[in-house]
Protein backbone atom coordinates (compact mmCIF):
# COMPACT_ATOMS: atom_id res chain seq x y z
CA MET A 1 6.77 -21.56 5.91
CA ILE A 2 5.27 -21.69 9.83
CA ARG A 3 6.99 -18.00 10.08
CA LEU A 4 5.45 -16.87 6.70
CA LEU A 5 1.80 -18.02 7.54
CA SER A 6 1.96 -16.87 11.10
CA ARG A 7 2.50 -13.31 9.58
CA PHE A 8 -0.48 -13.57 7.61
CA GLU A 9 -2.24 -14.56 10.68
CA ALA A 10 -1.39 -11.77 12.33
CA MET A 11 -1.81 -9.08 9.34
CA SER A 12 -5.46 -11.04 8.94
CA GLY A 13 -6.46 -10.91 12.58
CA ALA A 14 -9.87 -9.27 13.80
CA THR A 15 -7.72 -7.97 16.79
CA GLY A 16 -4.00 -8.63 15.52
CA LYS A 17 -2.41 -11.96 16.92
CA THR A 18 0.79 -12.70 18.53
CA ILE A 19 3.01 -14.70 16.78
CA LEU A 20 3.03 -17.30 19.10
CA GLU A 21 -0.85 -17.51 18.97
CA SER A 22 -0.34 -17.51 14.84
CA ILE A 23 2.06 -20.17 14.96
CA VAL A 24 -0.48 -22.36 17.06
CA ARG A 25 -3.36 -21.73 14.93
CA THR A 26 -1.15 -22.39 11.75
CA SER A 27 -0.05 -25.45 13.03
CA GLN A 28 -3.42 -26.51 13.52
CA SER A 29 -4.57 -25.84 9.66
CA SER A 30 -5.33 -28.48 7.74
CA ASP A 31 -2.82 -29.73 5.08
CA GLN A 32 -4.85 -28.46 2.11
CA ARG A 33 -5.05 -24.93 3.34
CA LEU A 34 -1.40 -25.45 3.76
CA ILE A 35 -0.81 -26.62 0.30
CA ASP A 36 -3.25 -24.05 -1.33
CA PHE A 37 -0.90 -21.08 0.54
CA TYR A 38 2.13 -22.46 -0.52
CA SER A 39 1.08 -23.30 -4.07
CA LEU A 40 -0.27 -19.71 -5.07
CA LYS A 41 3.43 -18.57 -6.19
CA GLU A 42 2.62 -15.36 -7.39
CA ASP A 43 0.60 -14.51 -4.45
CA LEU A 44 3.06 -15.74 -1.93
CA LEU A 45 5.93 -13.81 -3.74
CA ARG A 46 3.75 -10.64 -3.91
CA PHE A 47 2.94 -11.18 0.19
CA LEU A 48 6.37 -11.82 0.93
CA ALA A 49 7.61 -8.16 -0.85
CA GLU A 50 4.61 -6.24 0.33
CA HIS A 51 4.61 -7.26 3.80
CA GLN A 52 8.38 -7.42 4.54
CA GLY A 53 8.37 -3.65 3.50
CA ILE A 54 5.62 -3.11 5.82
CA GLU A 55 7.34 -5.03 8.88
CA GLU A 56 10.25 -3.28 8.46
CA ALA A 57 8.38 0.36 8.13
CA ILE A 58 6.89 -0.87 11.52
CA GLN A 59 10.16 -1.62 13.34
CA CYS A 60 11.32 1.49 11.80
CA THR A 61 8.79 3.49 13.61
CA LYS A 62 8.85 1.76 16.60
CA ASN A 63 12.55 2.31 17.18
CA GLY A 64 11.87 5.80 17.44
CA THR A 65 13.14 8.21 14.99
CA ASP A 66 12.71 7.63 11.33
CA ASN A 67 9.48 8.22 9.59
CA VAL A 68 9.05 5.72 6.58
CA LEU A 69 7.46 6.29 3.62
CA LEU A 70 5.75 3.12 1.87
CA ASP A 71 5.17 3.42 -1.68
CA ASP A 72 2.58 0.59 -1.48
CA PRO A 73 -0.99 1.39 -3.45
CA HIS A 74 -1.98 -1.76 -1.72
CA LEU A 75 -2.47 0.39 1.37
CA LEU A 76 -5.81 1.91 -0.19
CA ASN A 77 -6.87 -1.48 -1.83
CA GLU A 78 -10.05 -2.75 -0.10
CA HIS A 79 -8.45 -6.58 0.38
CA ASP A 80 -5.27 -5.96 1.55
CA GLY A 81 -6.06 -2.54 3.00
CA LYS A 82 -7.74 -4.03 5.69
CA PHE A 83 -4.78 -6.61 6.47
CA ILE A 84 -2.63 -3.68 6.64
CA GLN A 85 -4.98 -1.89 8.77
CA THR A 86 -5.63 -4.36 11.08
CA TYR A 87 -1.70 -4.95 11.48
CA PHE A 88 -1.22 -1.16 12.08
CA GLU A 89 -3.76 -1.19 14.54
CA ALA A 90 -2.40 -3.98 16.30
CA ASN A 91 0.93 -2.56 16.44
CA GLY A 92 -0.15 0.80 17.95
CA ILE A 93 0.69 3.01 14.59
CA SER A 94 -1.58 5.41 12.92
CA PRO A 95 -0.02 5.82 9.28
CA SER A 96 0.12 9.07 7.71
CA VAL A 97 -1.06 8.47 3.70
CA LEU A 98 -0.44 10.57 0.82
CA ILE A 99 -2.25 10.48 -2.24
CA ILE A 100 -1.01 11.97 -5.42
CA ARG A 101 -3.53 12.51 -8.56
CA ALA A 102 -2.86 13.78 -11.75
CA THR A 103 -5.18 14.42 -14.82
CA LYS A 104 -6.41 11.74 -16.77
CA LYS A 105 -4.74 12.62 -19.93
CA ARG A 106 -1.21 13.02 -17.76
CA ILE A 107 -1.90 9.36 -16.60
CA HIS A 108 -2.82 8.18 -20.07
CA ASP A 109 0.60 9.57 -21.69
CA VAL A 110 3.09 8.65 -18.98
CA ALA A 111 1.43 4.90 -19.16
CA MET A 112 1.99 5.02 -22.85
CA GLN A 113 5.80 6.48 -22.51
CA ARG A 114 6.10 3.36 -20.05
CA PHE A 115 4.59 0.84 -22.53
CA HIS A 116 6.50 1.75 -25.47
CA SER A 117 9.85 2.01 -23.55
CA GLY A 118 12.27 -0.49 -24.30
CA SER A 119 14.78 0.12 -21.57
CA THR A 120 12.76 -1.37 -19.00
CA LYS A 121 12.51 -4.91 -20.13
CA GLY A 122 8.78 -4.92 -19.69
CA VAL A 123 8.76 -4.02 -15.99
CA TRP A 124 6.72 -0.59 -16.85
CA LYS A 125 4.35 -2.85 -19.31
CA GLY A 126 2.55 -4.31 -16.20
CA ARG A 127 2.34 -0.67 -14.18
CA ALA A 128 1.13 1.19 -16.97
CA ALA A 129 -1.69 -1.23 -17.65
CA SER A 130 -2.59 -1.00 -13.99
CA ALA A 131 -2.54 2.63 -14.03
CA LEU A 132 -4.94 2.93 -17.25
CA GLN A 133 -7.08 0.49 -15.58
CA ASP A 134 -7.62 2.09 -12.41
CA ILE A 135 -7.69 5.43 -14.16
CA ASP A 136 -11.57 5.71 -13.47
CA LYS A 137 -11.29 4.43 -9.75
CA LYS A 138 -12.81 5.46 -6.69
CA ILE A 139 -11.43 5.09 -3.32
CA SER A 140 -11.83 5.52 0.22
CA CYS A 141 -9.03 5.73 2.81
CA PRO A 142 -9.02 4.16 6.55
CA TYR A 143 -6.78 6.39 7.71
CA GLU A 144 -7.17 9.71 9.60
CA ARG A 145 -4.28 11.40 8.30
CA VAL A 146 -4.36 11.89 4.69
CA ILE A 147 -2.93 14.41 2.00
CA VAL A 148 -4.37 14.53 -1.31
CA TYR A 149 -2.27 16.31 -3.56
CA ASP A 150 -3.02 17.09 -7.02
CA ASN A 151 0.26 17.16 -9.37
CA THR A 152 -0.93 19.46 -12.18
CA GLY A 153 2.01 21.50 -12.17
CA SER A 154 5.70 21.40 -12.16
CA LEU A 155 7.93 18.27 -10.64
CA GLU A 156 9.80 20.71 -8.67
CA ASP A 157 6.79 22.74 -7.33
CA GLY A 158 5.03 19.39 -6.26
CA ILE A 159 7.88 17.99 -4.25
CA LYS A 160 8.24 21.24 -2.36
CA THR A 161 4.80 21.19 -1.86
CA VAL A 162 4.16 17.90 -0.51
CA ARG A 163 7.48 17.99 1.49
CA LYS A 164 6.07 21.17 3.54
CA ARG A 165 2.98 19.86 4.06
CA ILE A 166 4.49 16.66 5.63
CA LEU A 167 6.22 18.34 7.73
CA ASP A 168 3.80 20.99 8.73
CA GLN A 169 1.03 17.70 9.40
CA ASP A 170 -1.00 19.59 7.01
CA PHE A 171 -3.52 17.06 7.07
CA ASP A 172 -6.81 17.07 4.95
CA LYS A 173 -9.80 17.57 7.15
CA ASN A 174 -12.82 17.20 4.91
CA ILE A 175 -12.57 14.73 2.02
CA GLN A 176 -15.62 13.88 0.60
CA TRP A 177 -14.92 9.71 0.27
CA PRO A 178 -14.71 7.99 -2.07
CA ILE A 179 -12.43 10.37 -4.42
CA PRO A 180 -11.33 9.83 -7.87
CA LEU A 181 -7.80 8.52 -8.30
CA ALA A 182 -7.57 10.99 -11.48
CA LEU A 183 -8.54 14.11 -12.25
CA GLU A 184 -10.53 14.74 -15.39
């Protein structure tokens, strides 16, 4: 419990906290705060899953040889994104972010396909609903190294183009934020 809360403290601190500082602050938390945090099971599980992945990605990056792709929409979420950005900055890491967009029609068709698929046991239903809910959303990205790819062609061409741009570090320079997550 202390380790979990200290991670949360480290990620949400204004300048990034050391684990020791976080543990001290956590141990001074009121009983009610600890109860509130621990009783939010869905938030707790989501927090654990997401931030464990981010922590592992940071360790791989710090250890030197691996580039890690985080498939995590929360990197661009206004609330979670600020925590994550602070954590990256505290660890001296400047991430590259790939934003892949498709047409609204394509997003809608894929979401409906996933929603009606019986083989996924309901897993895709939430993701399909989320995709449709965010179809008109506009976002801003806090990071400097961004590639925005409009996925309107074949999958093979898309993979080649994105891979080449990542390898060439061909980042977009003049993005007019906020941008829509879907094309017309």
